[in-house]
C-alpha cells in the first residue's frame, strides 16, 4: 500500500512541476503582449 502512495506522490510532484513551468511560460507571454504588467509576479519560481 505504501508503494502505491509513493507512486502517486511522485506523479503529483511531476504534475506540479510541469504545471508551474506552463504557468511561467504563460505569464511571460502575457507580459510580452502587455496583457499584464511587467512587474507582475504570480509567485516564487522554481
PDB file of N, CA and C in Angstrom:
ATOM      1  N   UNK A   1       0.823  -1.184   0.000  1.00  0.00           N
ATOM      2  CA  UNK A   1       0.000   0.000   0.000  1.00  0.00           C
ATOM      3  C   UNK A   1       0.874   1.258   0.000  1.00  0.00           C
ATOM      4  N   UNK A   2       2.002   1.199   0.691  1.00  0.00           N
ATOM      5  CA  UNK A   2       2.886   2.360   0.739  1.00  0.00           C
ATOM      6  C   UNK A   2       3.498   2.640  -0.626  1.00  0.00           C
ATOM      7  N   UNK A   3       3.714   1.585  -1.409  1.00  0.00           N
ATOM      8  CA  UNK A   3       4.290   1.747  -2.742  1.00  0.00           C
ATOM      9  C   UNK A   3       3.347   2.540  -3.639  1.00  0.00           C
ATOM     10  N   UNK A   4       2.066   2.270  -3.545  1.00  0.00           N
ATOM     11  CA  UNK A   4       1.080   2.980  -4.362  1.00  0.00           C
ATOM     12  C   UNK A   4       1.067   4.462  -3.990  1.00  0.00           C
ATOM     13  N   UNK A   5       1.138   4.759  -2.724  1.00  0.00           N
ATOM     14  CA  UNK A   5       1.176   6.150  -2.275  1.00  0.00           C
ATOM     15  C   UNK A   5       2.426   6.858  -2.758  1.00  0.00           C
ATOM     16  N   UNK A   6       3.541   6.150  -2.750  1.00  0.00           N
ATOM     17  CA  UNK A   6       4.799   6.723  -3.233  1.00  0.00           C
ATOM     18  C   UNK A   6       4.706   7.042  -4.722  1.00  0.00           C
ATOM     19  N   UNK A   7       4.131   6.128  -5.494  1.00  0.00           N
ATOM     20  CA  UNK A   7       3.981   6.334  -6.938  1.00  0.00           C
ATOM     21  C   UNK A   7       3.065   7.521  -7.215  1.00  0.00           C
ATOM     22  N   UNK A   8       1.946   7.591  -6.520  1.00  0.00           N
ATOM     23  CA  UNK A   8       1.033   8.728  -6.703  1.00  0.00           C
ATOM     24  C   UNK A   8       1.683  10.031  -6.251  1.00  0.00           C
ATOM     25  N   UNK A   9       2.492   9.972  -5.229  1.00  0.00           N
ATOM     26  CA  UNK A   9       3.211  11.158  -4.766  1.00  0.00           C
ATOM     27  C   UNK A   9       4.192  11.665  -5.808  1.00  0.00           C
ATOM     28  N   UNK A  10       4.948  10.754  -6.401  1.00  0.00           N
ATOM     29  CA  UNK A  10       5.877  11.135  -7.467  1.00  0.00           C
ATOM     30  C   UNK A  10       5.134  11.706  -8.666  1.00  0.00           C
ATOM     31  N   UNK A  11       4.017  11.109  -9.017  1.00  0.00           N
ATOM     32  CA  UNK A  11       3.220  11.612 -10.139  1.00  0.00           C
ATOM     33  C   UNK A  11       2.696  13.008  -9.828  1.00  0.00           C
ATOM     34  N   UNK A  12       2.298  13.249  -8.600  1.00  0.00           N
ATOM     35  CA  UNK A  12       1.811  14.566  -8.193  1.00  0.00           C
ATOM     36  C   UNK A  12       2.898  15.615  -8.252  1.00  0.00           C
ATOM     37  N   UNK A  13       4.095  15.268  -7.826  1.00  0.00           N
ATOM     38  CA  UNK A  13       5.221  16.203  -7.881  1.00  0.00           C
ATOM     39  C   UNK A  13       5.554  16.525  -9.334  1.00  0.00           C
ATOM     40  N   UNK A  14       5.587  15.507 -10.185  1.00  0.00           N
ATOM     41  CA  UNK A  14       5.886  15.725 -11.611  1.00  0.00           C
ATOM     42  C   UNK A  14       4.825  16.616 -12.246  1.00  0.00           C
ATOM     43  N   UNK A  15       3.571  16.366 -11.945  1.00  0.00           N
ATOM     44  CA  UNK A  15       2.489  17.189 -12.478  1.00  0.00           C
ATOM     45  C   UNK A  15       2.606  18.629 -11.986  1.00  0.00           C
ATOM     46  N   UNK A  16       2.945  18.808 -10.737  1.00  0.00           N
ATOM     47  CA  UNK A  16       3.117  20.147 -10.184  1.00  0.00           C
ATOM     48  C   UNK A  16       4.244  20.913 -10.844  1.00  0.00           C
ATOM     49  N   UNK A  17       5.366  20.246 -11.094  1.00  0.00           N
ATOM     50  CA  UNK A  17       6.498  20.897 -11.750  1.00  0.00           C
ATOM     51  C   UNK A  17       6.143  21.282 -13.178  1.00  0.00           C
ATOM     52  N   UNK A  18       5.492  20.380 -13.905  1.00  0.00           N
ATOM     53  CA  UNK A  18       5.099  20.690 -15.285  1.00  0.00           C
ATOM     54  C   UNK A  18       4.105  21.847 -15.323  1.00  0.00           C
ATOM     55  N   UNK A  19       3.163  21.850 -14.395  1.00  0.00           N
ATOM     56  CA  UNK A  19       2.168  22.922 -14.344  1.00  0.00           C
ATOM     57  C   UNK A  19       2.814  24.263 -14.037  1.00  0.00           C
ATOM     58  N   UNK A  20       3.771  24.276 -13.130  1.00  0.00           N
ATOM     59  CA  UNK A  20       4.461  25.515 -12.773  1.00  0.00           C
ATOM     60  C   UNK A  20       5.214  26.084 -13.971  1.00  0.00           C
ATOM     61  N   UNK A  21       5.849  25.211 -14.751  1.00  0.00           N
ATOM     62  CA  UNK A  21       6.579  25.660 -15.943  1.00  0.00           C
ATOM     63  C   UNK A  21       5.628  26.234 -16.985  1.00  0.00           C
ATOM     64  N   UNK A  22       4.472  25.623 -17.147  1.00  0.00           N
ATOM     65  CA  UNK A  22       3.498  26.132 -18.119  1.00  0.00           C
ATOM     66  C   UNK A  22       2.924  27.463 -17.668  1.00  0.00           C
ATOM     67  N   UNK A  23       2.689  27.624 -16.376  1.00  0.00           N
ATOM     68  CA  UNK A  23       2.192  28.894 -15.852  1.00  0.00           C
ATOM     69  C   UNK A  23       3.224  29.988 -16.049  1.00  0.00           C
ATOM     70  N   UNK A  24       4.507  29.677 -15.812  1.00  0.00           N
ATOM     71  CA  UNK A  24       5.574  30.655 -16.002  1.00  0.00           C
ATOM     72  C   UNK A  24       5.668  31.066 -17.468  1.00  0.00           C
ATOM     73  N   UNK A  25       5.526  30.114 -18.394  1.00  0.00           N
ATOM     74  CA  UNK A  25       5.574  30.427 -19.823  1.00  0.00           C
ATOM     75  C   UNK A  25       4.390  31.302 -20.222  1.00  0.00           C
ATOM     76  N   UNK A  26       3.220  30.993 -19.699  1.00  0.00           N
ATOM     77  CA  UNK A  26       2.034  31.796 -19.983  1.00  0.00           C
ATOM     78  C   UNK A  26       2.198  33.209 -19.446  1.00  0.00           C
ATOM     79  N   UNK A  27       2.706  33.329 -18.235  1.00  0.00           N
ATOM     80  CA  UNK A  27       2.937  34.636 -17.628  1.00  0.00           C
ATOM     81  C   UNK A  27       3.906  35.467 -18.478  1.00  0.00           C
ATOM     82  N   UNK A  28       4.963  34.845 -18.970  1.00  0.00           N
ATOM     83  CA  UNK A  28       5.933  35.540 -19.820  1.00  0.00           C
ATOM     84  C   UNK A  28       5.277  36.017 -21.114  1.00  0.00           C
ATOM     85  N   UNK A  29       4.475  35.167 -21.731  1.00  0.00           N
ATOM     86  CA  UNK A  29       3.792  35.536 -22.978  1.00  0.00           C
ATOM     87  C   UNK A  29       2.814  36.689 -22.744  1.00  0.00           C
ATOM     88  N   UNK A  30       2.086  36.661 -21.636  1.00  0.00           N
ATOM     89  CA  UNK A  30       1.140  37.735 -21.334  1.00  0.00           C
ATOM     90  C   UNK A  30       1.862  39.050 -21.064  1.00  0.00           C
ATOM     91  N   UNK A  31       3.059  38.976 -20.491  1.00  0.00           N
ATOM     92  CA  UNK A  31       3.859  40.182 -20.274  1.00  0.00           C
ATOM     93  C   UNK A  31       4.337  40.741 -21.606  1.00  0.00           C
ATOM     94  N   UNK A  32       4.745  39.864 -22.524  1.00  0.00           N
ATOM     95  CA  UNK A  32       5.193  40.298 -23.843  1.00  0.00           C
ATOM     96  C   UNK A  32       4.067  40.995 -24.608  1.00  0.00           C
ATOM     97  N   UNK A  33       2.855  40.488 -24.467  1.00  0.00           N
ATOM     98  CA  UNK A  33       1.704  41.060 -25.157  1.00  0.00           C
ATOM     99  C   UNK A  33       1.104  42.246 -24.400  1.00  0.00           C
ATOM    100  N   UNK A  34       1.695  42.562 -23.254  1.00  0.00           N
ATOM    101  CA  UNK A  34       1.267  43.678 -22.407  1.00  0.00           C
ATOM    102  C   UNK A  34      -0.181  43.514 -21.901  1.00  0.00           C
ATOM    103  N   UNK A  35      -0.555  42.273 -21.654  1.00  0.00           N
ATOM    104  CA  UNK A  35      -1.857  41.989 -21.059  1.00  0.00           C
ATOM    105  C   UNK A  35      -1.777  42.188 -19.553  1.00  0.00           C
ATOM    106  N   UNK A  36      -0.615  41.854 -18.983  1.00  0.00           N
ATOM    107  CA  UNK A  36      -0.380  42.082 -17.559  1.00  0.00           C
ATOM    108  C   UNK A  36       0.853  42.971 -17.416  1.00  0.00           C
ATOM    109  N   UNK A  37       0.999  43.599 -16.276  1.00  0.00           N
ATOM    110  CA  UNK A  37       2.123  44.489 -16.024  1.00  0.00           C
ATOM    111  C   UNK A  37       3.436  43.724 -16.029  1.00  0.00           C
ATOM    112  N   UNK A  38       4.509  44.417 -16.417  1.00  0.00           N
ATOM    113  CA  UNK A  38       5.837  43.798 -16.453  1.00  0.00           C
ATOM    114  C   UNK A  38       6.319  43.388 -15.056  1.00  0.00           C
ATOM    115  N   UNK A  39       5.900  44.119 -14.032  1.00  0.00           N
ATOM    116  CA  UNK A  39       6.362  43.802 -12.674  1.00  0.00           C
ATOM    117  C   UNK A  39       5.462  42.803 -11.950  1.00  0.00           C
ATOM    118  N   UNK A  40       4.462  42.251 -12.646  1.00  0.00           N
ATOM    119  CA  UNK A  40       3.566  41.257 -12.051  1.00  0.00           C
ATOM    120  C   UNK A  40       4.328  39.953 -11.816  1.00  0.00           C
ATOM    121  N   UNK A  41       4.085  39.329 -10.689  1.00  0.00           N
ATOM    122  CA  UNK A  41       4.666  38.043 -10.380  1.00  0.00           C
ATOM    123  C   UNK A  41       3.614  37.181  -9.692  1.00  0.00           C
ATOM    124  N   UNK A  42       3.403  35.966 -10.230  1.00  0.00           N
ATOM    125  CA  UNK A  42       2.387  35.087  -9.671  1.00  0.00           C
ATOM    126  C   UNK A  42       2.892  34.360  -8.434  1.00  0.00           C
ATOM    127  N   UNK A  43       4.198  34.415  -8.180  1.00  0.00           N
ATOM    128  CA  UNK A  43       4.751  33.742  -7.023  1.00  0.00           C
ATOM    129  C   UNK A  43       6.199  33.411  -7.246  1.00  0.00           C
ATOM    130  N   UNK A  44       6.717  32.606  -6.364  1.00  0.00           N
ATOM    131  CA  UNK A  44       8.111  32.193  -6.445  1.00  0.00           C
ATOM    132  C   UNK A  44       8.299  31.195  -7.584  1.00  0.00           C
ATOM    133  N   UNK A  45       9.360  31.340  -8.328  1.00  0.00           N
ATOM    134  CA  UNK A  45       9.700  30.394  -9.400  1.00  0.00           C
ATOM    135  C   UNK A  45      10.489  29.229  -8.846  1.00  0.00           C
ATOM    136  N   UNK A  46      10.564  28.208  -9.614  1.00  0.00           N
ATOM    137  CA  UNK A  46      11.311  27.019  -9.204  1.00  0.00           C
ATOM    138  C   UNK A  46      12.753  27.173  -9.638  1.00  0.00           C
TER     139      UNK A  46
END
